[in-house]
Structures are given as structure tokens and as C-alpha cells.
Amino acid sequence: MSLMQSPLRKWPHFLKMSALALVALVGTLILPSCDDKEDPTAGEMSTKVLVVTAIPDEKHSDQEANYEELRRYLADQLGIKVEFSISASYDAAVERFKNGEVHLVWFGGFTGVQARKAVPGARAIAQGDVDPKYKSYFIAHKSTGLTKSDDFPVAIKDLSFTFGSKSSTSGRLMPTYFILKQTGVMPDQFFTQPTQFQTVGGHDATARAVAGGSVDAGVLSYKKYDSMVASGEIRAEDAPIIWETPEYADYNLTVHPALEEMFGEGFIDQLQRVLVECEDEKVLKAFLRKRLIPASNEEFDGIHEVARELGMMR
């Protein structure tokens, strides 16, 4: 057989035909048939997600687990995709709400006021049944010998003292206000030692710091203290309550007005109804509340005025 008659001469033609066949085969696999056309709005709908967050009053791992039942409940009741996204700090929760990254936030009274002031149309839609009459506990390590009294504990002025987060209503704002009203001076003038703040862990961190004796006294949310004592996380005898503040409005669920654009007019009212009608204890555990009730922006005007009086808000 001559070189011209060799089968090797047929390879280019064979390879060309194989390549064409392969392209045709792939095309049949990736091109949708007329019967399998997708809904053109499906991609758009899948991108619509209600993102929930909260001010970090507890460890991140605990918070994420506690909010899982709420996430599932809202997704089921509203028929939408819902995600929970942890916020690193009180300020971060406010900033993320301002830029539209999160849409439903469990705020304290002060952070809620900050967020709604920054976002026109934002609404407080729900609060715990206890939140219109909230309070803070001043606590002290057992070694101080301080016990509970109806009178403000002026003896703490010479002790090491910690607030919670700088933006916390029950852990900083309202306690500062009551210290001013009871002593006539701001905390930095009342205490003889520099005051501390808890930048990580919120009220949990305050309770543990006092109970563990790393700081002599502190102030925190009464709900968080009670829940930590009930669960055995701290012992009441290690960090007894020495004073309860007067009542004030505090925690609330605030919504971003963008939800009306995302899910349609009337969605926020529907969301409010679903929250207020919830009776599932596992869902409500996220808020440490037995039930939720309606809320409005006007209920927190007092918090706004206190913040302005203290120079914490314009």
C-alpha cells in the first residue's frame, strides 16, 4: 500500500466529523425544548429575600440558633424566602438597615429610633408584651456586700462599673439617664473609676463579668438577667440585683420600607399580622417574649427625647 492510500490520510476528515457530531450532541443537551421553557419571572422572584437581623445581646452562636425557628415560621406563613444574618454590633445592625442590607430587625429602643430616623418610611411594627414597660437591673458582685434597695445605690460610685454596648437602651442609654436624674451628674462625673463597655456579647457579657468578679458592678436588661439565672448560666447569689430602674419603652421589630417594593403593597401589614398572631413558643424564644403586640413609631418618642437630652442624638 502506498503512502497516498494509507488510512492515516483519512484522520483529518474523521476528526472534523467527530467534532461536529460532538457540538450537535452538546447542543441537544443544553438547549431547552419548547415544552420546558422557564417562567421569565422565576429568577427575579428567587432574588427576593427577606433578611432578618438583631442587635447582638447574646453570643452569635446562640442568636443564630434562637432565630432559626422565626426564620422558618416567616418563610412558611408568608410563602417567601427568609434568611437570618448576624450583625457584629449594635451600630452594625443600624448601618445595615440604613443601606437596605437587612429588612426586619429586632432593635432596642435607641437603635430603633436611630434606624427609623435614618430611613424615611421605616416602621416599628411589633414589640414584646413586656416592652412598653421595660426596665434595667443594676447588679453587683457578691463580694461588694451590696443588697437590693428601693434607693439608688450611690455606693457604686467607687466601684469598677460596666455598661453594656454603647448603643444599648437598657444597658447604657436609660441607665445613664437615671444616673443623671438620681445624682445630678453624668456617669463620667459620678464614678471615681473609668466606666467600661461590653463590645462583644452585650448583656450576656455584662452578667458574666459581674458574676465572675472581673468587674464590681454593672447594668443590663432585666429580661436577659432573669433568663440567664433561670437557665443556670449565672447564679443570682454571685451577682445580686441591687436596684431596678423606673420603666420605659424598649425593644421593637422595625421594618424597612423597601419590603413594599419587593413583595407588593400591603406586605408590611401582612408581616405585622403574622408576627402578632404567632403563638409558637419556639418562635418567640428569639425575643425572650411570651407574645408580640403591635408597635408604632410614636411609642418611642420618649427614647428619642432622652437621647437628645444626653447628647447622644441630634
C-alpha atoms as a PDB file:
ATOM      1  CA  MET A   1       0.000   0.000   0.000  1.00  0.00           C
ATOM      2  CA  SER A   2       1.333   3.425  -0.989  1.00  0.00           C
ATOM      3  CA  LEU A   3       1.534   6.376   1.361  1.00  0.00           C
ATOM      4  CA  MET A   4      -1.299   8.091  -0.600  1.00  0.00           C
ATOM      5  CA  GLN A   5      -3.538   5.115   0.103  1.00  0.00           C
ATOM      6  CA  SER A   6      -2.714   4.946   3.823  1.00  0.00           C
ATOM      7  CA  PRO A   7      -5.648   5.171   6.320  1.00  0.00           C
ATOM      8  CA  LEU A   8      -3.688   7.938   8.072  1.00  0.00           C
ATOM      9  CA  ARG A   9      -4.769  10.292   5.285  1.00  0.00           C
ATOM     10  CA  LYS A  10      -8.389   9.975   6.474  1.00  0.00           C
ATOM     11  CA  TRP A  11      -7.798  11.223  10.073  1.00  0.00           C
ATOM     12  CA  PRO A  12      -8.388  14.980   9.496  1.00  0.00           C
ATOM     13  CA  HIS A  13     -11.752  14.263   7.904  1.00  0.00           C
ATOM     14  CA  PHE A  14     -12.647  11.838  10.706  1.00  0.00           C
ATOM     15  CA  LEU A  15     -11.709  14.356  13.408  1.00  0.00           C
ATOM     16  CA  LYS A  16     -13.705  17.118  11.703  1.00  0.00           C
ATOM     17  CA  MET A  17     -16.807  14.917  11.539  1.00  0.00           C
ATOM     18  CA  SER A  18     -16.410  13.851  15.200  1.00  0.00           C
ATOM     19  CA  ALA A  19     -16.140  17.452  16.361  1.00  0.00           C
ATOM     20  CA  LEU A  20     -19.325  18.415  14.502  1.00  0.00           C
ATOM     21  CA  ALA A  21     -21.149  15.462  15.983  1.00  0.00           C
ATOM     22  CA  LEU A  22     -19.989  16.405  19.482  1.00  0.00           C
ATOM     23  CA  VAL A  23     -21.230  20.003  19.073  1.00  0.00           C
ATOM     24  CA  ALA A  24     -24.611  18.750  17.894  1.00  0.00           C
ATOM     25  CA  LEU A  25     -24.859  16.358  20.830  1.00  0.00           C
ATOM     26  CA  VAL A  26     -23.992  19.027  23.401  1.00  0.00           C
ATOM     27  CA  GLY A  27     -26.496  21.394  21.819  1.00  0.00           C
ATOM     28  CA  THR A  28     -29.335  18.932  22.310  1.00  0.00           C
ATOM     29  CA  LEU A  29     -28.399  18.589  25.966  1.00  0.00           C
ATOM     30  CA  ILE A  30     -28.232  22.267  26.902  1.00  0.00           C
ATOM     31  CA  LEU A  31     -30.922  23.841  24.751  1.00  0.00           C
ATOM     32  CA  PRO A  32     -34.376  23.775  26.414  1.00  0.00           C
ATOM     33  CA  SER A  33     -37.263  22.352  24.465  1.00  0.00           C
ATOM     34  CA  CYS A  34     -40.387  24.330  23.783  1.00  0.00           C
ATOM     35  CA  ASP A  35     -42.163  22.310  26.479  1.00  0.00           C
ATOM     36  CA  ASP A  36     -39.518  23.143  29.147  1.00  0.00           C
ATOM     37  CA  LYS A  37     -39.466  26.937  28.941  1.00  0.00           C
ATOM     38  CA  GLU A  38     -38.867  28.551  32.355  1.00  0.00           C
ATOM     39  CA  ASP A  39     -41.049  31.255  33.850  1.00  0.00           C
ATOM     40  CA  PRO A  40     -39.229  34.506  32.955  1.00  0.00           C
ATOM     41  CA  THR A  41     -40.061  35.890  36.414  1.00  0.00           C
ATOM     42  CA  ALA A  42     -38.675  32.884  38.304  1.00  0.00           C
ATOM     43  CA  GLY A  43     -35.154  34.297  38.524  1.00  0.00           C
ATOM     44  CA  GLU A  44     -36.465  37.641  39.701  1.00  0.00           C
ATOM     45  CA  MET A  45     -38.616  36.055  42.409  1.00  0.00           C
ATOM     46  CA  SER A  46     -35.753  33.902  43.676  1.00  0.00           C
ATOM     47  CA  THR A  47     -33.689  37.002  44.366  1.00  0.00           C
ATOM     48  CA  LYS A  48     -36.335  38.474  46.671  1.00  0.00           C
ATOM     49  CA  VAL A  49     -35.261  37.590  50.183  1.00  0.00           C
ATOM     50  CA  LEU A  50     -36.475  38.996  53.489  1.00  0.00           C
ATOM     51  CA  VAL A  51     -33.324  39.350  55.593  1.00  0.00           C
ATOM     52  CA  VAL A  52     -33.713  39.405  59.374  1.00  0.00           C
ATOM     53  CA  THR A  53     -31.120  40.501  61.934  1.00  0.00           C
ATOM     54  CA  ALA A  54     -30.966  41.626  65.554  1.00  0.00           C
ATOM     55  CA  ILE A  55     -28.778  43.627  67.884  1.00  0.00           C
ATOM     56  CA  PRO A  56     -26.278  41.174  69.428  1.00  0.00           C
ATOM     57  CA  ASP A  57     -27.492  40.808  73.023  1.00  0.00           C
ATOM     58  CA  GLU A  58     -26.046  37.309  73.223  1.00  0.00           C
ATOM     59  CA  LYS A  59     -23.358  35.057  71.765  1.00  0.00           C
ATOM     60  CA  HIS A  60     -23.555  34.787  67.973  1.00  0.00           C
ATOM     61  CA  SER A  61     -23.938  31.001  68.057  1.00  0.00           C
ATOM     62  CA  ASP A  62     -26.877  31.242  70.478  1.00  0.00           C
ATOM     63  CA  GLN A  63     -28.526  34.014  68.498  1.00  0.00           C
ATOM     64  CA  GLU A  64     -28.372  32.174  65.190  1.00  0.00           C
ATOM     65  CA  ALA A  65     -29.931  29.060  66.729  1.00  0.00           C
ATOM     66  CA  ASN A  66     -32.626  31.061  68.521  1.00  0.00           C
ATOM     67  CA  TYR A  67     -33.689  32.818  65.310  1.00  0.00           C
ATOM     68  CA  GLU A  68     -33.912  29.678  63.171  1.00  0.00           C
ATOM     69  CA  GLU A  69     -37.496  28.942  64.229  1.00  0.00           C
ATOM     70  CA  LEU A  70     -38.519  32.536  63.456  1.00  0.00           C
ATOM     71  CA  ARG A  71     -36.934  32.263  60.011  1.00  0.00           C
ATOM     72  CA  ARG A  72     -38.852  29.082  59.264  1.00  0.00           C
ATOM     73  CA  TYR A  73     -42.100  30.490  60.613  1.00  0.00           C
ATOM     74  CA  LEU A  74     -41.967  33.633  58.476  1.00  0.00           C
ATOM     75  CA  ALA A  75     -40.995  31.701  55.351  1.00  0.00           C
ATOM     76  CA  ASP A  76     -43.912  29.295  55.835  1.00  0.00           C
ATOM     77  CA  GLN A  77     -46.524  31.920  56.736  1.00  0.00           C
ATOM     78  CA  LEU A  78     -45.541  34.420  54.048  1.00  0.00           C
ATOM     79  CA  GLY A  79     -44.500  31.996  51.309  1.00  0.00           C
ATOM     80  CA  ILE A  80     -41.207  33.765  50.683  1.00  0.00           C
ATOM     81  CA  LYS A  81     -37.517  33.147  51.200  1.00  0.00           C
ATOM     82  CA  VAL A  82     -36.261  34.354  54.587  1.00  0.00           C
ATOM     83  CA  GLU A  83     -32.700  34.492  55.887  1.00  0.00           C
ATOM     84  CA  PHE A  84     -31.205  35.391  59.264  1.00  0.00           C
ATOM     85  CA  SER A  85     -27.945  37.333  59.124  1.00  0.00           C
ATOM     86  CA  ILE A  86     -25.878  38.017  62.240  1.00  0.00           C
ATOM     87  CA  SER A  87     -24.825  41.614  62.920  1.00  0.00           C
ATOM     88  CA  ALA A  88     -21.499  42.097  64.677  1.00  0.00           C
ATOM     89  CA  SER A  89     -22.588  45.059  66.802  1.00  0.00           C
ATOM     90  CA  TYR A  90     -25.461  47.407  67.628  1.00  0.00           C
ATOM     91  CA  ASP A  91     -24.037  50.029  65.273  1.00  0.00           C
ATOM     92  CA  ALA A  92     -23.616  47.440  62.516  1.00  0.00           C
ATOM     93  CA  ALA A  93     -27.301  46.474  62.762  1.00  0.00           C
ATOM     94  CA  VAL A  94     -28.289  50.126  62.313  1.00  0.00           C
ATOM     95  CA  GLU A  95     -25.909  50.686  59.390  1.00  0.00           C
ATOM     96  CA  ARG A  96     -27.054  47.537  57.605  1.00  0.00           C
ATOM     97  CA  PHE A  97     -30.672  48.652  57.963  1.00  0.00           C
ATOM     98  CA  LYS A  98     -29.805  52.112  56.627  1.00  0.00           C
ATOM     99  CA  ASN A  99     -28.215  50.686  53.469  1.00  0.00           C
ATOM    100  CA  GLY A 100     -31.029  48.177  52.888  1.00  0.00           C
ATOM    101  CA  GLU A 101     -28.943  45.073  53.531  1.00  0.00           C
ATOM    102  CA  VAL A 102     -31.417  43.870  56.186  1.00  0.00           C
ATOM    103  CA  HIS A 103     -35.169  44.448  56.271  1.00  0.00           C
ATOM    104  CA  LEU A 104     -36.570  43.267  59.599  1.00  0.00           C
ATOM    105  CA  VAL A 105     -34.560  43.996  62.732  1.00  0.00           C
ATOM    106  CA  TRP A 106     -35.029  43.299  66.425  1.00  0.00           C
ATOM    107  CA  PHE A 107     -33.791  46.642  67.743  1.00  0.00           C
ATOM    108  CA  GLY A 108     -33.531  48.141  71.196  1.00  0.00           C
ATOM    109  CA  GLY A 109     -35.436  51.364  71.777  1.00  0.00           C
ATOM    110  CA  PHE A 110     -32.462  53.593  70.971  1.00  0.00           C
ATOM    111  CA  THR A 111     -31.141  51.698  67.947  1.00  0.00           C
ATOM    112  CA  GLY A 112     -34.688  51.525  66.592  1.00  0.00           C
ATOM    113  CA  VAL A 113     -35.027  55.289  66.865  1.00  0.00           C
ATOM    114  CA  GLN A 114     -31.645  55.747  65.155  1.00  0.00           C
ATOM    115  CA  ALA A 115     -32.600  53.424  62.299  1.00  0.00           C
ATOM    116  CA  ARG A 116     -36.044  54.898  61.667  1.00  0.00           C
ATOM    117  CA  LYS A 117     -34.666  58.442  61.750  1.00  0.00           C
ATOM    118  CA  ALA A 118     -32.158  57.480  59.044  1.00  0.00           C
ATOM    119  CA  VAL A 119     -34.669  55.669  56.787  1.00  0.00           C
ATOM    120  CA  PRO A 120     -37.833  57.634  55.915  1.00  0.00           C
ATOM    121  CA  GLY A 121     -40.847  55.338  55.905  1.00  0.00           C
ATOM    122  CA  ALA A 122     -39.345  52.779  58.292  1.00  0.00           C
ATOM    123  CA  ARG A 123     -41.858  51.462  60.816  1.00  0.00           C
ATOM    124  CA  ALA A 124     -41.827  49.844  64.229  1.00  0.00           C
ATOM    125  CA  ILE A 125     -44.484  47.153  63.754  1.00  0.00           C
ATOM    126  CA  ALA A 126     -44.209  44.829  66.751  1.00  0.00           C
ATOM    127  CA  GLN A 127     -42.844  44.611  70.275  1.00  0.00           C
ATOM    128  CA  GLY A 128     -42.918  42.150  73.113  1.00  0.00           C
ATOM    129  CA  ASP A 129     -45.836  42.303  75.524  1.00  0.00           C
ATOM    130  CA  VAL A 130     -43.372  43.500  78.192  1.00  0.00           C
ATOM    131  CA  ASP A 131     -41.594  46.116  76.086  1.00  0.00           C
ATOM    132  CA  PRO A 132     -43.843  49.158  76.694  1.00  0.00           C
ATOM    133  CA  LYS A 133     -42.848  48.818  80.384  1.00  0.00           C
ATOM    134  CA  TYR A 134     -39.231  47.677  80.307  1.00  0.00           C
ATOM    135  CA  LYS A 135     -36.538  48.148  82.975  1.00  0.00           C
ATOM    136  CA  SER A 136     -32.879  47.598  83.746  1.00  0.00           C
ATOM    137  CA  TYR A 137     -31.176  45.875  86.656  1.00  0.00           C
ATOM    138  CA  PHE A 138     -28.140  47.270  88.420  1.00  0.00           C
ATOM    139  CA  ILE A 139     -26.213  44.276  89.762  1.00  0.00           C
ATOM    140  CA  ALA A 140     -23.083  43.885  91.893  1.00  0.00           C
ATOM    141  CA  HIS A 141     -20.652  41.081  92.677  1.00  0.00           C
ATOM    142  CA  LYS A 142     -21.364  39.350  95.975  1.00  0.00           C
ATOM    143  CA  SER A 143     -18.014  40.489  97.369  1.00  0.00           C
ATOM    144  CA  THR A 144     -19.258  44.093  97.457  1.00  0.00           C
ATOM    145  CA  GLY A 145     -21.825  43.213 100.107  1.00  0.00           C
ATOM    146  CA  LEU A 146     -24.449  45.352  98.360  1.00  0.00           C
ATOM    147  CA  THR A 147     -28.067  44.228  98.536  1.00  0.00           C
ATOM    148  CA  LYS A 148     -31.294  45.284  96.832  1.00  0.00           C
ATOM    149  CA  SER A 149     -32.754  48.655  97.776  1.00  0.00           C
ATOM    150  CA  ASP A 150     -35.505  50.987  96.555  1.00  0.00           C
ATOM    151  CA  ASP A 151     -32.993  53.819  96.690  1.00  0.00           C
ATOM    152  CA  PHE A 152     -30.362  54.380  94.018  1.00  0.00           C
ATOM    153  CA  PRO A 153     -27.117  52.619  95.125  1.00  0.00           C
ATOM    154  CA  VAL A 154     -24.768  55.590  95.465  1.00  0.00           C
ATOM    155  CA  ALA A 155     -22.165  53.220  96.937  1.00  0.00           C
ATOM    156  CA  ILE A 156     -21.319  52.004  93.438  1.00  0.00           C
ATOM    157  CA  LYS A 157     -19.577  55.316  92.672  1.00  0.00           C
ATOM    158  CA  ASP A 158     -16.236  53.961  93.956  1.00  0.00           C
ATOM    159  CA  LEU A 159     -16.561  50.537  92.306  1.00  0.00           C
ATOM    160  CA  SER A 160     -15.472  49.343  88.884  1.00  0.00           C
ATOM    161  CA  PHE A 161     -18.603  49.523  86.733  1.00  0.00           C
ATOM    162  CA  THR A 162     -19.634  48.282  83.293  1.00  0.00           C
ATOM    163  CA  PHE A 163     -22.403  49.277  80.945  1.00  0.00           C
ATOM    164  CA  GLY A 164     -23.408  47.041  78.032  1.00  0.00           C
ATOM    165  CA  SER A 165     -22.988  48.209  74.450  1.00  0.00           C
ATOM    166  CA  LYS A 166     -22.636  51.970  73.978  1.00  0.00           C
ATOM    167  CA  SER A 167     -25.815  51.930  71.865  1.00  0.00           C
ATOM    168  CA  SER A 168     -27.865  49.735  74.193  1.00  0.00           C
ATOM    169  CA  THR A 169     -31.098  51.201  75.547  1.00  0.00           C
ATOM    170  CA  SER A 170     -31.311  49.047  78.677  1.00  0.00           C
ATOM    171  CA  GLY A 171     -27.557  48.633  79.049  1.00  0.00           C
ATOM    172  CA  ARG A 172     -26.446  52.223  78.560  1.00  0.00           C
ATOM    173  CA  LEU A 173     -28.903  54.929  77.417  1.00  0.00           C
ATOM    174  CA  MET A 174     -31.609  54.654  80.090  1.00  0.00           C
ATOM    175  CA  PRO A 175     -29.199  53.765  82.933  1.00  0.00           C
ATOM    176  CA  THR A 176     -27.198  56.880  82.036  1.00  0.00           C
ATOM    177  CA  TYR A 177     -30.400  58.917  82.157  1.00  0.00           C
ATOM    178  CA  PHE A 178     -31.359  57.529  85.569  1.00  0.00           C
ATOM    179  CA  ILE A 179     -27.868  58.073  86.986  1.00  0.00           C
ATOM    180  CA  LEU A 180     -28.130  61.695  85.869  1.00  0.00           C
ATOM    181  CA  LYS A 181     -31.583  62.090  87.416  1.00  0.00           C
ATOM    182  CA  GLN A 182     -30.592  60.390  90.688  1.00  0.00           C
ATOM    183  CA  THR A 183     -27.193  62.043  91.211  1.00  0.00           C
ATOM    184  CA  GLY A 184     -27.366  65.244  89.178  1.00  0.00           C
ATOM    185  CA  VAL A 185     -24.257  64.355  87.159  1.00  0.00           C
ATOM    186  CA  MET A 186     -23.334  62.179  84.207  1.00  0.00           C
ATOM    187  CA  PRO A 187     -21.671  58.789  84.809  1.00  0.00           C
ATOM    188  CA  ASP A 188     -18.179  60.040  83.925  1.00  0.00           C
ATOM    189  CA  GLN A 189     -18.513  62.545  86.776  1.00  0.00           C
ATOM    190  CA  PHE A 190     -20.324  60.233  89.190  1.00  0.00           C
ATOM    191  CA  PHE A 191     -17.964  57.233  89.085  1.00  0.00           C
ATOM    192  CA  THR A 192     -14.481  57.650  90.535  1.00  0.00           C
ATOM    193  CA  GLN A 193     -13.127  54.936  88.201  1.00  0.00           C
ATOM    194  CA  PRO A 194     -13.424  54.901  84.393  1.00  0.00           C
ATOM    195  CA  THR A 195     -16.561  53.045  83.305  1.00  0.00           C
ATOM    196  CA  GLN A 196     -16.355  50.077  80.961  1.00  0.00           C
ATOM    197  CA  PHE A 197     -18.460  48.956  77.987  1.00  0.00           C
ATOM    198  CA  GLN A 198     -19.103  45.472  76.615  1.00  0.00           C
ATOM    199  CA  THR A 199     -18.264  45.487  72.912  1.00  0.00           C
ATOM    200  CA  VAL A 200     -18.925  41.751  72.403  1.00  0.00           C
ATOM    201  CA  GLY A 201     -21.791  39.730  73.856  1.00  0.00           C
ATOM    202  CA  GLY A 202     -23.991  42.589  75.076  1.00  0.00           C
ATOM    203  CA  HIS A 203     -25.994  41.833  78.207  1.00  0.00           C
ATOM    204  CA  ASP A 204     -24.606  38.298  78.447  1.00  0.00           C
ATOM    205  CA  ALA A 205     -21.113  39.703  78.783  1.00  0.00           C
ATOM    206  CA  THR A 206     -22.173  42.199  81.455  1.00  0.00           C
ATOM    207  CA  ALA A 207     -23.821  39.488  83.558  1.00  0.00           C
ATOM    208  CA  ARG A 208     -20.838  37.160  83.286  1.00  0.00           C
ATOM    209  CA  ALA A 209     -18.342  39.913  84.053  1.00  0.00           C
ATOM    210  CA  VAL A 210     -20.103  40.856  87.285  1.00  0.00           C
ATOM    211  CA  ALA A 211     -20.916  37.285  88.327  1.00  0.00           C
ATOM    212  CA  GLY A 212     -17.314  36.280  87.671  1.00  0.00           C
ATOM    213  CA  GLY A 213     -15.921  39.187  89.672  1.00  0.00           C
ATOM    214  CA  SER A 214     -13.890  40.776  86.877  1.00  0.00           C
ATOM    215  CA  VAL A 215     -15.901  43.950  87.473  1.00  0.00           C
ATOM    216  CA  ASP A 216     -17.654  45.034  90.681  1.00  0.00           C
ATOM    217  CA  ALA A 217     -20.982  46.201  89.298  1.00  0.00           C
ATOM    218  CA  GLY A 218     -22.911  46.730  86.082  1.00  0.00           C
ATOM    219  CA  VAL A 219     -26.280  47.297  84.464  1.00  0.00           C
ATOM    220  CA  LEU A 220     -28.234  45.221  81.942  1.00  0.00           C
ATOM    221  CA  SER A 221     -31.634  44.194  80.569  1.00  0.00           C
ATOM    222  CA  TYR A 222     -33.798  42.630  83.254  1.00  0.00           C
ATOM    223  CA  LYS A 223     -35.107  40.033  80.767  1.00  0.00           C
ATOM    224  CA  LYS A 224     -31.624  38.812  79.908  1.00  0.00           C
ATOM    225  CA  TYR A 225     -30.589  38.644  83.576  1.00  0.00           C
ATOM    226  CA  ASP A 226     -33.717  36.704  84.540  1.00  0.00           C
ATOM    227  CA  SER A 227     -33.293  34.255  81.661  1.00  0.00           C
ATOM    228  CA  MET A 228     -29.619  33.623  82.490  1.00  0.00           C
ATOM    229  CA  VAL A 229     -30.448  32.939  86.138  1.00  0.00           C
ATOM    230  CA  ALA A 230     -33.327  30.643  85.134  1.00  0.00           C
ATOM    231  CA  SER A 231     -31.099  28.670  82.752  1.00  0.00           C
ATOM    232  CA  GLY A 232     -28.262  28.382  85.267  1.00  0.00           C
ATOM    233  CA  GLU A 233     -25.812  30.414  83.167  1.00  0.00           C
ATOM    234  CA  ILE A 234     -25.178  32.621  86.191  1.00  0.00           C
ATOM    235  CA  ARG A 235     -26.175  32.362  89.845  1.00  0.00           C
ATOM    236  CA  ALA A 236     -28.224  35.163  91.377  1.00  0.00           C
ATOM    237  CA  GLU A 237     -26.194  34.948  94.598  1.00  0.00           C
ATOM    238  CA  ASP A 238     -22.995  35.703  92.664  1.00  0.00           C
ATOM    239  CA  ALA A 239     -24.420  38.885  91.111  1.00  0.00           C
ATOM    240  CA  PRO A 240     -27.466  40.032  93.083  1.00  0.00           C
ATOM    241  CA  ILE A 241     -29.798  42.777  91.864  1.00  0.00           C
ATOM    242  CA  ILE A 242     -29.184  45.956  93.858  1.00  0.00           C
ATOM    243  CA  TRP A 243     -31.553  48.379  92.083  1.00  0.00           C
ATOM    244  CA  GLU A 244     -34.324  48.347  89.459  1.00  0.00           C
ATOM    245  CA  THR A 245     -34.802  51.357  87.220  1.00  0.00           C
ATOM    246  CA  PRO A 246     -38.163  53.006  86.526  1.00  0.00           C
ATOM    247  CA  GLU A 247     -39.978  51.648  83.449  1.00  0.00           C
ATOM    248  CA  TYR A 248     -39.508  52.801  79.859  1.00  0.00           C
ATOM    249  CA  ALA A 249     -40.276  51.590  76.310  1.00  0.00           C
ATOM    250  CA  ASP A 250     -37.609  49.427  74.714  1.00  0.00           C
ATOM    251  CA  TYR A 251     -37.304  46.563  72.194  1.00  0.00           C
ATOM    252  CA  ASN A 252     -39.164  46.504  68.877  1.00  0.00           C
ATOM    253  CA  LEU A 253     -39.253  44.946  65.433  1.00  0.00           C
ATOM    254  CA  THR A 254     -38.652  47.592  62.785  1.00  0.00           C
ATOM    255  CA  VAL A 255     -39.176  47.065  59.049  1.00  0.00           C
ATOM    256  CA  HIS A 256     -37.545  48.674  56.038  1.00  0.00           C
ATOM    257  CA  PRO A 257     -39.972  50.341  53.588  1.00  0.00           C
ATOM    258  CA  ALA A 258     -38.241  48.527  50.705  1.00  0.00           C
ATOM    259  CA  LEU A 259     -40.312  45.449  51.587  1.00  0.00           C
ATOM    260  CA  GLU A 260     -43.351  47.065  49.955  1.00  0.00           C
ATOM    261  CA  GLU A 261     -41.418  47.337  46.681  1.00  0.00           C
ATOM    262  CA  MET A 262     -40.023  43.816  46.975  1.00  0.00           C
ATOM    263  CA  PHE A 263     -43.212  41.941  47.850  1.00  0.00           C
ATOM    264  CA  GLY A 264     -46.020  44.304  46.982  1.00  0.00           C
ATOM    265  CA  GLU A 265     -48.234  46.903  48.607  1.00  0.00           C
ATOM    266  CA  GLY A 266     -49.664  45.793  51.917  1.00  0.00           C
ATOM    267  CA  PHE A 267     -46.875  43.287  52.637  1.00  0.00           C
ATOM    268  CA  ILE A 268     -45.681  45.085  55.798  1.00  0.00           C
ATOM    269  CA  ASP A 269     -49.191  44.971  57.276  1.00  0.00           C
ATOM    270  CA  GLN A 270     -49.302  41.260  56.454  1.00  0.00           C
ATOM    271  CA  LEU A 271     -45.913  40.755  58.120  1.00  0.00           C
ATOM    272  CA  GLN A 272     -47.113  42.604  61.212  1.00  0.00           C
ATOM    273  CA  ARG A 273     -50.206  40.416  61.410  1.00  0.00           C
ATOM    274  CA  VAL A 274     -48.164  37.201  61.107  1.00  0.00           C
ATOM    275  CA  LEU A 275     -45.841  38.327  63.906  1.00  0.00           C
ATOM    276  CA  VAL A 276     -48.567  39.475  66.289  1.00  0.00           C
ATOM    277  CA  GLU A 277     -50.651  36.341  65.734  1.00  0.00           C
ATOM    278  CA  CYS A 278     -47.738  33.995  66.468  1.00  0.00           C
ATOM    279  CA  GLU A 279     -48.289  31.735  69.489  1.00  0.00           C
ATOM    280  CA  ASP A 280     -45.404  29.309  68.913  1.00  0.00           C
ATOM    281  CA  GLU A 281     -43.087  29.394  71.937  1.00  0.00           C
ATOM    282  CA  LYS A 282     -40.151  28.167  69.855  1.00  0.00           C
ATOM    283  CA  VAL A 283     -40.521  31.156  67.528  1.00  0.00           C
ATOM    284  CA  LEU A 284     -40.993  33.659  70.337  1.00  0.00           C
ATOM    285  CA  LYS A 285     -37.882  32.343  72.091  1.00  0.00           C
ATOM    286  CA  ALA A 286     -35.834  34.514  69.722  1.00  0.00           C
ATOM    287  CA  PHE A 287     -37.175  37.564  71.568  1.00  0.00           C
ATOM    288  CA  LEU A 288     -37.468  36.081  75.082  1.00  0.00           C
ATOM    289  CA  ARG A 289     -41.130  37.061  74.931  1.00  0.00           C
ATOM    290  CA  LYS A 290     -44.394  35.170  75.507  1.00  0.00           C
ATOM    291  CA  ARG A 291     -46.147  37.097  72.765  1.00  0.00           C
ATOM    292  CA  LEU A 292     -45.788  40.067  70.430  1.00  0.00           C
ATOM    293  CA  ILE A 293     -48.095  43.063  70.244  1.00  0.00           C
ATOM    294  CA  PRO A 294     -48.409  45.892  67.679  1.00  0.00           C
ATOM    295  CA  ALA A 295     -45.981  48.815  67.926  1.00  0.00           C
ATOM    296  CA  SER A 296     -45.775  52.267  66.386  1.00  0.00           C
ATOM    297  CA  ASN A 297     -43.001  54.822  65.919  1.00  0.00           C
ATOM    298  CA  GLU A 298     -44.683  57.290  68.272  1.00  0.00           C
ATOM    299  CA  GLU A 299     -44.310  54.952  71.249  1.00  0.00           C
ATOM    300  CA  PHE A 300     -40.558  55.576  71.223  1.00  0.00           C
ATOM    301  CA  ASP A 301     -40.647  59.365  71.153  1.00  0.00           C
ATOM    302  CA  GLY A 302     -39.618  59.332  74.808  1.00  0.00           C
ATOM    303  CA  ILE A 303     -36.438  57.403  73.960  1.00  0.00           C
ATOM    304  CA  HIS A 304     -35.662  59.978  71.279  1.00  0.00           C
ATOM    305  CA  GLU A 305     -36.039  62.834  73.758  1.00  0.00           C
ATOM    306  CA  VAL A 306     -33.804  61.136  76.340  1.00  0.00           C
ATOM    307  CA  ALA A 307     -31.130  60.524  73.706  1.00  0.00           C
ATOM    308  CA  ARG A 308     -31.272  64.195  72.716  1.00  0.00           C
ATOM    309  CA  GLU A 309     -31.089  65.316  76.352  1.00  0.00           C
ATOM    310  CA  LEU A 310     -27.993  63.166  76.884  1.00  0.00           C
ATOM    311  CA  GLY A 311     -26.365  64.457  73.705  1.00  0.00           C
ATOM    312  CA  MET A 312     -26.482  61.032  72.032  1.00  0.00           C
ATOM    313  CA  MET A 313     -28.726  62.133  69.170  1.00  0.00           C
ATOM    314  CA  ARG A 314     -29.485  65.389  67.407  1.00  0.00           C
END
